[in-house]
Amino acid sequence: MVDRIVKLENFFEQVKKVIKFCDIEKNYKTIAVNRQAQHEYFVLEKYEAGIVLTGDEVKSVKKGNVNLKDSFIFAEYNTLVIKNMHISVYEKSDGFAVKDAKRDRKLLMKKSEVLKLKQKVEKAGLTLIPLKIYLKGALIKFEIALCKGKHIYDKKADLIEKDNKRAVERQLKNYK
């Protein structure tokens, strides 16, 4: 009888650990956001992808030393590669660390998703842009988007719409 109680207690402790691990998975910590992408492109579809990094790059990304401003993604063979993403060199790294901050980095997605994205990019003339980097548990993930470029008149219309929203919000705030 005592053995059964001990086994049940151990079982419940393991269940609690699993539940805590699942709660960690739900927590996302945003590291960097590409704000310029919302201004320059219409976002059609969003996807999640992992990335291949060295140990020093992971530490630098977790500290927030990342810039997505001019970065873009292209399909090379059956993989996605991100270009022009700047990850600062980790200051405490040794002499053998990678010193190229803007090197090409491979993104991790399923092969079927990559092929679908590649077809959409080639057929419709769309582009792949990274929107943000975030931590999902202990993993570094990218939110990438299939985008269509905006014309100047589209950008102006968006600015006018934002200004109108702000004006309405101000009036509602003053009304109360």
Protein backbone atom coordinates (compact mmCIF):
# COMPACT_ATOMS: atom_id res chain seq x y z
CA MET A 1 0.00 0.00 0.00
CA VAL A 2 2.82 2.38 0.93
CA ASP A 3 4.62 1.53 -2.30
CA ARG A 4 1.57 2.53 -4.33
CA ILE A 5 1.34 5.87 -2.52
CA VAL A 6 5.02 6.58 -3.16
CA LYS A 7 4.63 5.68 -6.84
CA LEU A 8 1.60 7.96 -7.12
CA GLU A 9 3.48 10.82 -5.48
CA ASN A 10 6.37 10.36 -7.92
CA PHE A 11 3.93 10.24 -10.80
CA PHE A 12 2.25 13.50 -9.73
CA GLU A 13 5.64 15.20 -9.35
CA GLN A 14 6.52 14.21 -12.92
CA VAL A 15 3.17 15.51 -14.16
CA LYS A 16 3.82 18.84 -12.43
CA LYS A 17 7.23 19.09 -14.16
CA VAL A 18 5.61 18.41 -17.55
CA ILE A 19 2.95 21.05 -16.91
CA LYS A 20 5.63 23.59 -15.97
CA PHE A 21 7.55 22.75 -19.16
CA CYS A 22 4.39 23.26 -21.24
CA ASP A 23 3.79 26.62 -19.57
CA ILE A 24 7.32 27.67 -20.49
CA GLU A 25 6.60 26.74 -24.12
CA LYS A 26 3.66 29.16 -24.18
CA ASN A 27 5.83 32.08 -23.06
CA TYR A 28 7.27 34.09 -25.92
CA LYS A 29 9.89 36.75 -25.45
CA THR A 30 10.26 39.06 -28.43
CA ILE A 31 13.88 39.90 -29.15
CA ALA A 32 13.71 42.09 -32.27
CA VAL A 33 10.99 43.37 -34.60
CA ASN A 34 11.29 44.52 -38.19
CA ARG A 35 9.05 47.61 -38.07
CA GLN A 36 10.07 48.77 -41.51
CA ALA A 37 8.52 45.65 -43.07
CA GLN A 38 4.99 46.71 -42.06
CA HIS A 39 5.57 50.05 -43.77
CA GLU A 40 7.16 48.68 -46.94
CA TYR A 41 5.09 45.53 -47.61
CA PHE A 42 1.61 44.02 -47.50
CA VAL A 43 1.87 40.93 -45.29
CA LEU A 44 -0.05 38.06 -46.92
CA GLU A 45 0.91 34.98 -44.89
CA LYS A 46 3.01 34.37 -41.78
CA TYR A 47 5.16 31.35 -40.96
CA GLU A 48 7.42 30.21 -38.12
CA ALA A 49 10.97 29.03 -38.73
CA GLY A 50 14.03 28.10 -36.71
CA ILE A 51 17.57 29.22 -37.51
CA VAL A 52 21.05 27.68 -37.51
CA LEU A 53 23.39 29.70 -35.26
CA THR A 54 26.72 29.23 -33.52
CA GLY A 55 26.94 29.34 -29.73
CA ASP A 56 28.28 32.90 -29.61
CA GLU A 57 25.54 34.09 -31.95
CA VAL A 58 22.88 32.52 -29.71
CA LYS A 59 24.23 34.41 -26.71
CA SER A 60 24.33 37.64 -28.68
CA VAL A 61 20.75 37.15 -29.95
CA LYS A 62 19.47 36.45 -26.44
CA LYS A 63 21.05 39.72 -25.31
CA GLY A 64 19.14 41.49 -28.11
CA ASN A 65 22.08 42.44 -30.34
CA VAL A 66 20.18 41.78 -33.58
CA ASN A 67 19.08 44.02 -36.43
CA LEU A 68 16.52 42.92 -39.05
CA LYS A 69 16.24 46.25 -40.86
CA ASP A 70 17.49 45.35 -44.36
CA SER A 71 17.27 41.58 -44.14
CA PHE A 72 15.44 39.35 -46.60
CA ILE A 73 15.01 35.65 -47.26
CA PHE A 74 15.47 33.67 -50.44
CA ALA A 75 15.01 30.05 -51.37
CA GLU A 76 18.22 28.29 -52.34
CA TYR A 77 17.71 24.70 -53.51
CA ASN A 78 15.40 23.23 -50.85
CA THR A 79 16.37 25.55 -48.00
CA LEU A 80 15.66 29.12 -46.94
CA VAL A 81 18.59 31.47 -46.36
CA ILE A 82 18.42 34.82 -44.59
CA LYS A 83 20.70 37.59 -45.86
CA ASN A 84 21.79 40.92 -44.37
CA MET A 85 20.66 40.11 -40.84
CA HIS A 86 23.14 41.70 -38.45
CA ILE A 87 24.04 39.79 -35.29
CA SER A 88 26.71 41.60 -33.29
CA VAL A 89 29.80 39.65 -32.31
CA TYR A 90 29.55 38.44 -28.71
CA GLU A 91 32.10 40.45 -26.72
CA LYS A 92 33.17 37.56 -24.46
CA SER A 93 33.81 35.13 -27.32
CA ASP A 94 37.18 33.59 -28.03
CA GLY A 95 39.43 34.24 -31.03
CA PHE A 96 37.97 31.39 -33.07
CA ALA A 97 34.43 32.81 -33.13
CA VAL A 98 32.77 33.87 -36.37
CA LYS A 99 33.61 37.54 -36.94
CA ASP A 100 31.23 38.13 -39.88
CA ALA A 101 28.15 39.79 -38.39
CA LYS A 102 26.15 39.77 -41.65
CA ARG A 103 26.86 36.26 -42.89
CA ASP A 104 24.14 34.17 -44.55
CA ARG A 105 22.21 31.96 -42.13
CA LYS A 106 20.08 28.93 -42.86
CA LEU A 107 16.45 28.83 -41.71
CA LEU A 108 14.86 25.58 -40.56
CA MET A 109 11.45 24.61 -41.95
CA LYS A 110 9.85 21.49 -43.30
CA LYS A 111 10.79 20.70 -46.88
CA SER A 112 7.17 20.77 -48.04
CA GLU A 113 6.67 24.27 -46.59
CA VAL A 114 9.87 25.50 -48.20
CA LEU A 115 8.81 24.18 -51.61
CA LYS A 116 5.37 25.84 -51.28
CA LEU A 117 6.99 29.14 -50.37
CA LYS A 118 9.48 28.84 -53.21
CA GLN A 119 6.65 28.29 -55.72
CA LYS A 120 4.68 31.26 -54.41
CA VAL A 121 7.71 33.51 -54.57
CA GLU A 122 8.58 32.47 -58.14
CA LYS A 123 5.01 32.57 -59.52
CA ALA A 124 3.52 35.67 -57.97
CA GLY A 125 6.66 37.77 -57.58
CA LEU A 126 6.34 37.93 -53.80
CA THR A 127 9.15 38.25 -51.27
CA LEU A 128 9.98 36.62 -47.95
CA ILE A 129 10.74 39.03 -45.13
CA PRO A 130 11.58 38.31 -41.46
CA LEU A 131 9.11 40.13 -39.21
CA LYS A 132 10.45 39.30 -35.75
CA ILE A 133 12.76 37.11 -33.70
CA TYR A 134 11.52 35.63 -30.46
CA LEU A 135 12.35 33.03 -27.86
CA LYS A 136 9.91 30.14 -27.65
CA GLY A 137 10.98 28.34 -24.53
CA ALA A 138 14.72 27.91 -25.06
CA LEU A 139 14.53 28.02 -28.87
CA ILE A 140 15.13 31.03 -31.11
CA LYS A 141 12.36 31.32 -33.69
CA PHE A 142 11.64 33.64 -36.60
CA GLU A 143 8.29 34.89 -37.78
CA ILE A 144 8.68 35.22 -41.54
CA ALA A 145 6.08 36.58 -43.91
CA LEU A 146 5.17 36.21 -47.54
CA CYS A 147 4.88 39.83 -48.65
CA LYS A 148 3.94 42.00 -51.60
CA GLY A 149 5.63 45.38 -52.01
CA LYS A 150 3.67 48.58 -51.45
CA HIS A 151 3.57 51.47 -53.89
CA ILE A 152 4.04 55.05 -52.73
CA TYR A 153 0.31 55.76 -52.90
CA ASP A 154 -0.35 52.70 -50.69
CA LYS A 155 2.09 53.99 -48.09
CA LYS A 156 0.46 57.43 -48.13
CA ALA A 157 -3.00 55.90 -47.74
CA ASP A 158 -1.78 53.91 -44.72
CA LEU A 159 -0.35 57.04 -43.12
CA ILE A 160 -3.62 58.93 -43.65
CA GLU A 161 -5.56 56.03 -42.13
CA LYS A 162 -3.26 55.97 -39.06
CA ASP A 163 -3.64 59.74 -38.62
CA ASN A 164 -7.44 59.44 -38.80
CA LYS A 165 -7.41 56.66 -36.18
CA ARG A 166 -5.26 58.78 -33.86
CA ALA A 167 -7.58 61.78 -34.28
CA VAL A 168 -10.65 59.68 -33.44
CA GLU A 169 -8.91 58.19 -30.38
CA ARG A 170 -7.96 61.69 -29.15
CA GLN A 171 -11.50 62.90 -29.55
CA LEU A 172 -12.86 59.88 -27.67
CA LYS A 173 -10.30 60.39 -24.92
CA ASN A 174 -11.25 64.07 -24.54
CA TYR A 175 -14.96 63.25 -24.70
CA LYS A 176 -14.82 61.05 -21.60
